[in-house]
Amino acid sequence: MPMTRRKLIQTITLGGAGIPLSGLATGTLAQLAKPVRLGVIADLHVDLIHDAGARLDLFLKEMVRSKPDGLLQLGDFAFAKKENQKFVDQFNKGAGQKDQNLPPVSILFTLEHV
């Protein structure tokens, strides 16, 4: 069976997260009262796709509704240009506003893009 993009991301995320954990930390994680729920957005491509702003709005609205424990932005968000700062600010504001009922921490995974 070929590997799907979703399965690849799950494998990388779970495998990468497990590498630095000691036996004690792993045992502690196994005792969590409930699963950790994450909101994940990737490949927004602000500079390349015309409806990036609308898709970001939709993602943040869904995160308010579903109340995840954290948000992950996996890259290809926007090129590092002044005119794209508003999208970065929108994500950060949406990810950190208590009145939006979203988690205060967002994690940004990126290489060459902001």
C-alpha atoms as a PDB file:
ATOM      1  CA  MET A   1       0.000   0.000   0.000  1.00  0.00           C
ATOM      2  CA  PRO A   2       1.529   3.373  -0.972  1.00  0.00           C
ATOM      3  CA  MET A   3       2.213   5.919   1.744  1.00  0.00           C
ATOM      4  CA  THR A   4      -0.193   8.863   1.693  1.00  0.00           C
ATOM      5  CA  ARG A   5       0.857  12.388   2.582  1.00  0.00           C
ATOM      6  CA  ARG A   6      -1.272  12.212   5.743  1.00  0.00           C
ATOM      7  CA  LYS A   7       0.366   8.958   6.850  1.00  0.00           C
ATOM      8  CA  LEU A   8       3.832  10.380   6.129  1.00  0.00           C
ATOM      9  CA  ILE A   9       3.146  13.467   8.277  1.00  0.00           C
ATOM     10  CA  GLN A  10       1.772  11.282  11.073  1.00  0.00           C
ATOM     11  CA  THR A  11       4.805   9.015  10.925  1.00  0.00           C
ATOM     12  CA  ILE A  12       7.311  11.868  10.887  1.00  0.00           C
ATOM     13  CA  THR A  13       5.522  13.755  13.661  1.00  0.00           C
ATOM     14  CA  LEU A  14       5.147  10.756  15.947  1.00  0.00           C
ATOM     15  CA  GLY A  15       8.617   9.419  15.200  1.00  0.00           C
ATOM     16  CA  GLY A  16      10.299  12.811  15.585  1.00  0.00           C
ATOM     17  CA  ALA A  17       8.481  13.523  18.827  1.00  0.00           C
ATOM     18  CA  GLY A  18       9.509  10.191  20.297  1.00  0.00           C
ATOM     19  CA  ILE A  19      13.241  10.463  19.696  1.00  0.00           C
ATOM     20  CA  PRO A  20      14.133  12.874  22.513  1.00  0.00           C
ATOM     21  CA  LEU A  21      11.780  11.394  25.105  1.00  0.00           C
ATOM     22  CA  SER A  22      13.309   9.402  27.923  1.00  0.00           C
ATOM     23  CA  GLY A  23      11.641   6.306  29.363  1.00  0.00           C
ATOM     24  CA  LEU A  24      10.312   8.407  32.240  1.00  0.00           C
ATOM     25  CA  ALA A  25       8.770  10.994  29.920  1.00  0.00           C
ATOM     26  CA  THR A  26       7.277   8.293  27.722  1.00  0.00           C
ATOM     27  CA  GLY A  27       5.744   6.626  30.771  1.00  0.00           C
ATOM     28  CA  THR A  28       4.303   9.957  31.889  1.00  0.00           C
ATOM     29  CA  LEU A  29       2.773  10.556  28.466  1.00  0.00           C
ATOM     30  CA  ALA A  30       1.131   7.132  28.609  1.00  0.00           C
ATOM     31  CA  GLN A  31      -0.689   8.242  31.757  1.00  0.00           C
ATOM     32  CA  LEU A  32      -2.347  11.334  30.280  1.00  0.00           C
ATOM     33  CA  ALA A  33      -5.986  11.655  31.289  1.00  0.00           C
ATOM     34  CA  LYS A  34      -6.971  12.387  27.704  1.00  0.00           C
ATOM     35  CA  PRO A  35      -5.275  12.432  24.293  1.00  0.00           C
ATOM     36  CA  VAL A  36      -3.491  15.597  23.213  1.00  0.00           C
ATOM     37  CA  ARG A  37      -5.406  17.219  20.353  1.00  0.00           C
ATOM     38  CA  LEU A  38      -3.546  19.413  17.862  1.00  0.00           C
ATOM     39  CA  GLY A  39      -4.750  21.701  15.116  1.00  0.00           C
ATOM     40  CA  VAL A  40      -2.407  21.438  12.140  1.00  0.00           C
ATOM     41  CA  ILE A  41      -2.159  23.703   9.125  1.00  0.00           C
ATOM     42  CA  ALA A  42       0.342  23.288   6.296  1.00  0.00           C
ATOM     43  CA  ASP A  43       1.002  24.625   2.825  1.00  0.00           C
ATOM     44  CA  LEU A  44      -1.054  27.792   3.091  1.00  0.00           C
ATOM     45  CA  HIS A  45       1.093  29.310   0.295  1.00  0.00           C
ATOM     46  CA  VAL A  46      -0.019  32.905   0.807  1.00  0.00           C
ATOM     47  CA  ASP A  47       1.982  34.095  -2.207  1.00  0.00           C
ATOM     48  CA  LEU A  48       0.884  31.336  -4.540  1.00  0.00           C
ATOM     49  CA  ILE A  49      -2.774  30.579  -3.847  1.00  0.00           C
ATOM     50  CA  HIS A  50      -5.408  33.300  -4.157  1.00  0.00           C
ATOM     51  CA  ASP A  51      -7.661  32.190  -1.286  1.00  0.00           C
ATOM     52  CA  ALA A  52      -4.980  31.723   1.392  1.00  0.00           C
ATOM     53  CA  GLY A  53      -6.524  34.358   3.666  1.00  0.00           C
ATOM     54  CA  ALA A  54      -9.953  32.743   3.465  1.00  0.00           C
ATOM     55  CA  ARG A  55      -8.463  29.313   4.203  1.00  0.00           C
ATOM     56  CA  LEU A  56      -6.576  30.709   7.206  1.00  0.00           C
ATOM     57  CA  ASP A  57      -9.819  32.283   8.491  1.00  0.00           C
ATOM     58  CA  LEU A  58     -11.632  28.967   8.078  1.00  0.00           C
ATOM     59  CA  PHE A  59      -8.851  27.084   9.900  1.00  0.00           C
ATOM     60  CA  LEU A  60      -8.849  29.512  12.845  1.00  0.00           C
ATOM     61  CA  LYS A  61     -12.674  29.428  13.104  1.00  0.00           C
ATOM     62  CA  GLU A  62     -12.567  25.632  13.179  1.00  0.00           C
ATOM     63  CA  MET A  63      -9.898  25.747  15.874  1.00  0.00           C
ATOM     64  CA  VAL A  64     -12.151  27.958  18.005  1.00  0.00           C
ATOM     65  CA  ARG A  65     -14.949  25.420  17.550  1.00  0.00           C
ATOM     66  CA  SER A  66     -12.877  22.274  18.162  1.00  0.00           C
ATOM     67  CA  LYS A  67     -10.671  23.673  20.985  1.00  0.00           C
ATOM     68  CA  PRO A  68      -7.369  21.811  20.382  1.00  0.00           C
ATOM     69  CA  ASP A  69      -4.597  21.691  22.976  1.00  0.00           C
ATOM     70  CA  GLY A  70      -2.119  23.333  20.594  1.00  0.00           C
ATOM     71  CA  LEU A  71      -1.648  24.545  17.051  1.00  0.00           C
ATOM     72  CA  LEU A  72       1.062  23.517  14.601  1.00  0.00           C
ATOM     73  CA  GLN A  73       1.970  25.412  11.438  1.00  0.00           C
ATOM     74  CA  LEU A  74       4.075  23.046   9.348  1.00  0.00           C
ATOM     75  CA  GLY A  75       5.541  25.392   6.774  1.00  0.00           C
ATOM     76  CA  ASP A  76       5.044  26.819   3.305  1.00  0.00           C
ATOM     77  CA  PHE A  77       2.981  29.471   5.008  1.00  0.00           C
ATOM     78  CA  ALA A  78       4.190  32.658   3.271  1.00  0.00           C
ATOM     79  CA  PHE A  79       7.360  34.147   1.881  1.00  0.00           C
ATOM     80  CA  ALA A  80       9.231  36.374   4.327  1.00  0.00           C
ATOM     81  CA  LYS A  81       8.002  39.697   2.965  1.00  0.00           C
ATOM     82  CA  LYS A  82       6.583  42.728   4.768  1.00  0.00           C
ATOM     83  CA  GLU A  83       3.234  42.445   3.024  1.00  0.00           C
ATOM     84  CA  ASN A  84       2.779  38.915   4.406  1.00  0.00           C
ATOM     85  CA  GLN A  85       3.275  39.924   8.030  1.00  0.00           C
ATOM     86  CA  LYS A  86      -0.498  40.392   8.394  1.00  0.00           C
ATOM     87  CA  PHE A  87      -1.017  36.650   7.788  1.00  0.00           C
ATOM     88  CA  VAL A  88       1.648  35.719  10.336  1.00  0.00           C
ATOM     89  CA  ASP A  89       0.047  38.122  12.816  1.00  0.00           C
ATOM     90  CA  GLN A  90      -3.403  36.686  12.094  1.00  0.00           C
ATOM     91  CA  PHE A  91      -2.178  33.147  12.814  1.00  0.00           C
ATOM     92  CA  ASN A  92      -0.326  34.219  15.951  1.00  0.00           C
ATOM     93  CA  LYS A  93      -3.265  36.287  17.190  1.00  0.00           C
ATOM     94  CA  GLY A  94      -5.710  33.480  16.508  1.00  0.00           C
ATOM     95  CA  ALA A  95      -3.401  30.992  18.178  1.00  0.00           C
ATOM     96  CA  GLY A  96      -2.923  33.041  21.309  1.00  0.00           C
ATOM     97  CA  GLN A  97      -6.108  34.914  22.110  1.00  0.00           C
ATOM     98  CA  LYS A  98      -7.857  33.694  25.230  1.00  0.00           C
ATOM     99  CA  ASP A  99     -11.120  35.277  24.083  1.00  0.00           C
ATOM    100  CA  GLN A 100     -10.935  33.055  20.999  1.00  0.00           C
ATOM    101  CA  ASN A 101     -10.686  29.964  23.259  1.00  0.00           C
ATOM    102  CA  LEU A 102      -7.544  28.827  21.454  1.00  0.00           C
ATOM    103  CA  PRO A 103      -4.382  27.519  23.052  1.00  0.00           C
ATOM    104  CA  PRO A 104      -1.799  30.189  23.911  1.00  0.00           C
ATOM    105  CA  VAL A 105       1.068  28.284  22.295  1.00  0.00           C
ATOM    106  CA  SER A 106       1.630  27.801  18.613  1.00  0.00           C
ATOM    107  CA  ILE A 107       4.594  25.976  17.125  1.00  0.00           C
ATOM    108  CA  LEU A 108       5.984  27.085  13.805  1.00  0.00           C
ATOM    109  CA  PHE A 109       7.921  24.495  11.797  1.00  0.00           C
ATOM    110  CA  THR A 110       9.515  26.065   8.790  1.00  0.00           C
ATOM    111  CA  LEU A 111      12.745  26.168   6.824  1.00  0.00           C
ATOM    112  CA  GLU A 112      12.902  28.901   4.225  1.00  0.00           C
ATOM    113  CA  HIS A 113       9.419  30.369   4.612  1.00  0.00           C
ATOM    114  CA  VAL A 114       7.852  32.308   7.458  1.00  0.00           C
END
